[in-house]
Amino acid sequence: MENGWGGGDCQRNPVDGYPNCFVHDPSCNDYPPYNTEACGWDGGDCDLYNSLVDCTVNTPSLLNNGKCNDGPTYNTEACGWDGGDCDFYNSLDDCTVDTPFRINDGYCDDDPPYNTAACEWDGGDCPTPTSAPAECNDYPPY
């Protein structure tokens, strides 16, 4: 039995070749028959969502999916700051971007406001600039 679900009385419409494709997949399918006691709360996939009793979102599988889904729904205290996905972004007090999931995603977004000191150079995705001499003539003579 994994995550409290051992198959039990969970009834679902199987897909050819993928009989358990929705239960414990690891996306929370927050609708019957998956997020029910008989299905072990979607094989444990909905444990986080079910623990956030005041969190109301359209797509629970976006919680704790590794991407910060900002906005008035997911990145809220009630939703655990998107299940923890927005903790890093929220720690950047002066960083304001339209799509925070681009911060620290493994790809350097080399455009403001992402690649700025306030956003910690796209969350570390971009190289930190080095300081150059104030003027080119500041180099020592040959």
Protein backbone atom coordinates (compact mmCIF):
# COMPACT_ATOMS: atom_id res chain seq x y z
CA MET A 1 0.00 0.00 0.00
CA GLU A 2 1.51 3.33 -1.10
CA ASN A 3 0.35 6.68 0.34
CA GLY A 4 -2.55 4.96 2.07
CA TRP A 5 -4.01 3.62 -1.16
CA GLY A 6 -3.96 -0.05 -1.97
CA GLY A 7 -6.44 -0.11 -4.84
CA GLY A 8 -9.45 -0.87 -2.69
CA ASP A 9 -12.81 0.24 -4.01
CA CYS A 10 -11.50 2.95 -6.29
CA GLN A 11 -13.58 2.83 -9.43
CA ARG A 12 -12.42 4.72 -12.47
CA ASN A 13 -12.64 4.49 -16.21
CA PRO A 14 -9.40 2.78 -17.26
CA VAL A 15 -7.50 3.87 -20.33
CA ASP A 16 -6.18 1.01 -22.46
CA GLY A 17 -2.66 0.24 -21.28
CA TYR A 18 -2.86 2.79 -18.45
CA PRO A 19 -5.34 1.46 -15.89
CA ASN A 20 -3.97 3.60 -13.05
CA CYS A 21 -3.01 6.64 -15.09
CA PHE A 22 -4.69 9.20 -12.82
CA VAL A 23 -4.24 7.73 -9.35
CA HIS A 24 -0.79 8.52 -7.88
CA ASP A 25 0.54 10.09 -11.07
CA PRO A 26 1.57 12.69 -9.14
CA SER A 27 -0.99 15.35 -10.18
CA CYS A 28 -3.91 16.03 -7.85
CA ASN A 29 -7.12 15.23 -9.70
CA ASP A 30 -9.50 17.04 -7.37
CA TYR A 31 -12.75 15.50 -8.51
CA PRO A 32 -14.59 12.23 -7.98
CA PRO A 33 -13.78 9.45 -8.14
CA TYR A 34 -10.08 10.31 -7.67
CA ASN A 35 -9.95 12.69 -4.68
CA THR A 36 -12.05 10.40 -2.50
CA GLU A 37 -11.34 8.16 0.47
CA ALA A 38 -11.90 5.07 -1.71
CA CYS A 39 -9.11 6.22 -4.04
CA GLY A 40 -6.82 7.25 -1.18
CA TRP A 41 -7.24 10.93 -2.04
CA ASP A 42 -5.96 10.29 -5.56
CA GLY A 43 -3.30 7.90 -4.30
CA GLY A 44 -1.85 10.63 -2.09
CA ASP A 45 -1.58 13.15 -4.93
CA CYS A 46 -4.13 15.45 -3.24
CA ASP A 47 -2.65 15.30 0.28
CA LEU A 48 -1.14 18.80 0.03
CA TYR A 49 -4.23 20.33 -1.55
CA ASN A 50 -6.55 18.70 0.99
CA SER A 51 -4.37 20.01 3.84
CA LEU A 52 -4.83 23.58 2.57
CA VAL A 53 -8.48 23.82 3.62
CA ASP A 54 -8.86 27.51 2.68
CA CYS A 55 -7.17 27.12 -0.71
CA THR A 56 -9.54 27.28 -3.65
CA VAL A 57 -7.92 26.89 -7.06
CA ASN A 58 -9.13 25.67 -10.43
CA THR A 59 -6.15 23.38 -11.03
CA PRO A 60 -4.77 21.82 -7.81
CA SER A 61 -2.06 20.00 -9.80
CA LEU A 62 -0.33 23.38 -10.24
CA LEU A 63 0.36 23.48 -6.48
CA ASN A 64 3.89 22.30 -5.68
CA ASN A 65 4.64 21.49 -9.33
CA GLY A 66 8.04 23.19 -9.31
CA LYS A 67 6.83 26.43 -10.93
CA CYS A 68 5.68 29.55 -9.11
CA ASN A 69 2.16 30.32 -10.31
CA ASP A 70 1.78 33.89 -9.13
CA GLY A 71 -1.46 35.78 -8.90
CA PRO A 72 -4.40 36.22 -6.61
CA THR A 73 -5.13 32.49 -6.35
CA TYR A 74 -2.03 30.26 -6.10
CA ASN A 75 0.63 32.51 -4.54
CA THR A 76 -1.36 33.14 -1.37
CA GLU A 77 -0.97 32.23 2.28
CA ALA A 78 -4.12 30.07 2.04
CA CYS A 79 -2.48 28.03 -0.74
CA GLY A 80 0.88 27.77 1.01
CA TRP A 81 2.50 30.16 -1.47
CA ASP A 82 1.68 27.82 -4.36
CA GLY A 83 2.54 24.76 -2.28
CA GLY A 84 6.01 26.20 -1.65
CA ASP A 85 6.77 26.90 -5.31
CA CYS A 86 6.81 30.68 -4.75
CA ASP A 87 9.00 30.71 -1.63
CA PHE A 88 12.13 31.78 -3.56
CA TYR A 89 10.30 34.40 -5.64
CA ASN A 90 8.61 35.81 -2.54
CA SER A 91 12.02 36.16 -0.86
CA LEU A 92 13.03 38.64 -3.60
CA ASP A 93 11.44 41.73 -2.05
CA ASP A 94 12.24 44.12 -4.93
CA CYS A 95 11.64 41.70 -7.80
CA THR A 96 8.35 42.20 -9.62
CA VAL A 97 7.75 40.24 -12.82
CA ASP A 98 4.72 39.16 -14.83
CA THR A 99 5.66 35.48 -14.96
CA PRO A 100 7.55 34.44 -11.81
CA PHE A 101 7.83 30.83 -12.96
CA ARG A 102 10.58 32.10 -15.31
CA ILE A 103 12.74 32.97 -12.26
CA ASN A 104 15.19 30.16 -11.41
CA ASP A 105 13.80 27.82 -14.08
CA GLY A 106 17.18 26.77 -15.51
CA TYR A 107 16.99 29.15 -18.49
CA CYS A 108 18.58 32.63 -18.52
CA ASP A 109 15.91 35.20 -19.38
CA ASP A 110 18.37 37.89 -20.42
CA ASP A 111 15.91 40.76 -20.32
CA PRO A 112 14.71 43.13 -17.62
CA PRO A 113 13.23 42.75 -15.13
CA TYR A 114 14.37 39.11 -14.88
CA ASN A 115 18.11 39.58 -15.40
CA THR A 116 18.56 42.26 -12.74
CA ALA A 117 20.13 42.47 -9.31
CA ALA A 118 16.65 42.76 -7.75
CA CYS A 119 15.71 39.38 -9.27
CA GLU A 120 19.13 37.90 -8.46
CA TRP A 121 20.04 37.60 -12.13
CA ASP A 122 16.98 35.56 -13.05
CA GLY A 123 17.24 33.57 -9.83
CA GLY A 124 20.77 32.45 -10.69
CA ASP A 125 19.90 31.36 -14.24
CA CYS A 126 22.04 34.18 -15.70
CA PRO A 127 25.70 34.77 -14.90
CA THR A 128 26.34 37.47 -12.34
CA PRO A 129 27.89 40.46 -14.11
CA THR A 130 31.44 41.33 -13.16
CA SER A 131 32.44 44.92 -12.55
CA ALA A 132 34.41 46.61 -15.28
CA PRO A 133 36.76 49.55 -14.82
CA ALA A 134 34.99 52.90 -14.55
CA GLU A 135 36.71 54.05 -17.73
CA CYS A 136 38.54 52.07 -20.36
CA ASN A 137 41.61 54.26 -19.83
CA ASP A 138 41.99 52.96 -16.27
CA TYR A 139 44.03 49.98 -17.47
CA PRO A 140 47.73 50.06 -16.51
CA PRO A 141 50.18 50.95 -19.29
CA TYR A 142 51.98 48.18 -21.19
